[in-house]
């Protein structure tokens, strides 16, 4: 399976900033087991987890995760 998205340099900046500031974005399987094909995107900010209600397939998870990283970077970067 190929990734659907290759991160840009700016994406890497957003990602690194979020990791340094305790913001994590990760996939969570909808069902248990090896045959699972759908995922939620979960966001953890200072150990508080929230999962998106929308379900994603593996091909779109990466691009959605980087959109969330950008969102949190833009929202909190000036406040830290």
C-alpha atoms as a PDB file:
ATOM      1  CA  UNK A   1       0.000   0.000   0.000  1.00  0.00           C
ATOM      2  CA  UNK A   2       1.346   3.406  -0.934  1.00  0.00           C
ATOM      3  CA  UNK A   3       0.974   6.509   1.153  1.00  0.00           C
ATOM      4  CA  UNK A   4      -1.427   9.014  -0.295  1.00  0.00           C
ATOM      5  CA  UNK A   5       0.591  12.050   0.692  1.00  0.00           C
ATOM      6  CA  UNK A   6       4.228  13.064   0.878  1.00  0.00           C
ATOM      7  CA  UNK A   7       4.859  15.697   3.563  1.00  0.00           C
ATOM      8  CA  UNK A   8       6.292  19.050   2.543  1.00  0.00           C
ATOM      9  CA  UNK A   9       9.000  20.894   4.467  1.00  0.00           C
ATOM     10  CA  UNK A  10       6.289  23.066   6.006  1.00  0.00           C
ATOM     11  CA  UNK A  11       4.361  19.936   7.081  1.00  0.00           C
ATOM     12  CA  UNK A  12       7.473  18.700   8.864  1.00  0.00           C
ATOM     13  CA  UNK A  13       7.788  22.052  10.664  1.00  0.00           C
ATOM     14  CA  UNK A  14       4.150  21.807  11.825  1.00  0.00           C
ATOM     15  CA  UNK A  15       4.649  18.188  12.911  1.00  0.00           C
ATOM     16  CA  UNK A  16       7.839  18.902  14.874  1.00  0.00           C
ATOM     17  CA  UNK A  17       6.320  21.931  16.567  1.00  0.00           C
ATOM     18  CA  UNK A  18       3.265  19.914  17.634  1.00  0.00           C
ATOM     19  CA  UNK A  19       5.357  17.037  18.992  1.00  0.00           C
ATOM     20  CA  UNK A  20       7.492  19.471  21.017  1.00  0.00           C
ATOM     21  CA  UNK A  21       4.306  21.011  22.427  1.00  0.00           C
ATOM     22  CA  UNK A  22       2.554  17.762  23.421  1.00  0.00           C
ATOM     23  CA  UNK A  23       0.134  17.686  20.485  1.00  0.00           C
ATOM     24  CA  UNK A  24      -0.197  14.288  18.859  1.00  0.00           C
ATOM     25  CA  UNK A  25      -2.332  13.185  15.886  1.00  0.00           C
ATOM     26  CA  UNK A  26      -2.721   9.467  15.186  1.00  0.00           C
ATOM     27  CA  UNK A  27      -5.036   6.903  13.570  1.00  0.00           C
ATOM     28  CA  UNK A  28      -7.224   4.671  15.712  1.00  0.00           C
ATOM     29  CA  UNK A  29      -8.819   1.594  14.109  1.00  0.00           C
ATOM     30  CA  UNK A  30     -12.606   1.482  13.950  1.00  0.00           C
ATOM     31  CA  UNK A  31     -12.551  -2.277  14.594  1.00  0.00           C
ATOM     32  CA  UNK A  32     -10.027  -4.614  16.132  1.00  0.00           C
ATOM     33  CA  UNK A  33      -8.171  -7.140  14.031  1.00  0.00           C
ATOM     34  CA  UNK A  34      -6.030  -7.422  10.952  1.00  0.00           C
ATOM     35  CA  UNK A  35      -8.872  -6.929   8.499  1.00  0.00           C
ATOM     36  CA  UNK A  36      -9.665  -3.415   9.715  1.00  0.00           C
ATOM     37  CA  UNK A  37      -9.746  -0.973   6.806  1.00  0.00           C
ATOM     38  CA  UNK A  38     -11.168   2.143   8.472  1.00  0.00           C
ATOM     39  CA  UNK A  39      -9.757   4.533  11.031  1.00  0.00           C
ATOM     40  CA  UNK A  40     -10.656   7.506  13.174  1.00  0.00           C
ATOM     41  CA  UNK A  41      -8.186  10.358  13.542  1.00  0.00           C
ATOM     42  CA  UNK A  42      -7.456  11.096  17.202  1.00  0.00           C
ATOM     43  CA  UNK A  43      -5.863  14.228  18.561  1.00  0.00           C
ATOM     44  CA  UNK A  44      -4.170  14.337  21.938  1.00  0.00           C
ATOM     45  CA  UNK A  45      -3.395  17.740  23.429  1.00  0.00           C
ATOM     46  CA  UNK A  46      -1.672  17.639  26.824  1.00  0.00           C
ATOM     47  CA  UNK A  47      -2.908  14.056  27.347  1.00  0.00           C
ATOM     48  CA  UNK A  48      -6.553  14.942  26.547  1.00  0.00           C
ATOM     49  CA  UNK A  49      -7.721  12.749  23.680  1.00  0.00           C
ATOM     50  CA  UNK A  50     -10.462  13.590  21.175  1.00  0.00           C
ATOM     51  CA  UNK A  51     -11.327  11.414  18.174  1.00  0.00           C
ATOM     52  CA  UNK A  52     -12.853  12.768  14.988  1.00  0.00           C
ATOM     53  CA  UNK A  53     -16.311  11.302  14.275  1.00  0.00           C
ATOM     54  CA  UNK A  54     -15.512  10.892  10.604  1.00  0.00           C
ATOM     55  CA  UNK A  55     -14.092   7.565   9.412  1.00  0.00           C
ATOM     56  CA  UNK A  56     -11.102   7.537   7.049  1.00  0.00           C
ATOM     57  CA  UNK A  57      -9.550   4.913   4.819  1.00  0.00           C
ATOM     58  CA  UNK A  58      -5.794   4.272   5.044  1.00  0.00           C
ATOM     59  CA  UNK A  59      -5.066   6.232   1.860  1.00  0.00           C
ATOM     60  CA  UNK A  60      -6.313   9.537   3.283  1.00  0.00           C
ATOM     61  CA  UNK A  61      -5.087   9.332   6.879  1.00  0.00           C
ATOM     62  CA  UNK A  62      -1.690  10.926   6.276  1.00  0.00           C
ATOM     63  CA  UNK A  63      -2.995  14.034   4.524  1.00  0.00           C
ATOM     64  CA  UNK A  64      -5.718  14.524   7.148  1.00  0.00           C
ATOM     65  CA  UNK A  65      -3.195  14.155   9.978  1.00  0.00           C
ATOM     66  CA  UNK A  66      -0.974  16.865   8.465  1.00  0.00           C
ATOM     67  CA  UNK A  67      -4.000  19.155   8.100  1.00  0.00           C
ATOM     68  CA  UNK A  68      -4.628  18.748  11.833  1.00  0.00           C
ATOM     69  CA  UNK A  69      -0.958  19.451  12.607  1.00  0.00           C
ATOM     70  CA  UNK A  70      -1.176  22.647  10.566  1.00  0.00           C
ATOM     71  CA  UNK A  71      -4.415  23.632  12.308  1.00  0.00           C
ATOM     72  CA  UNK A  72      -2.894  23.292  15.786  1.00  0.00           C
ATOM     73  CA  UNK A  73       0.346  24.951  14.708  1.00  0.00           C
ATOM     74  CA  UNK A  74      -1.576  27.951  13.360  1.00  0.00           C
ATOM     75  CA  UNK A  75      -3.871  28.080  16.395  1.00  0.00           C
ATOM     76  CA  UNK A  76      -1.300  27.827  19.203  1.00  0.00           C
ATOM     77  CA  UNK A  77       2.104  28.760  17.758  1.00  0.00           C
ATOM     78  CA  UNK A  78       1.856  32.447  18.696  1.00  0.00           C
ATOM     79  CA  UNK A  79       0.594  31.635  22.200  1.00  0.00           C
ATOM     80  CA  UNK A  80       3.527  29.424  23.230  1.00  0.00           C
END
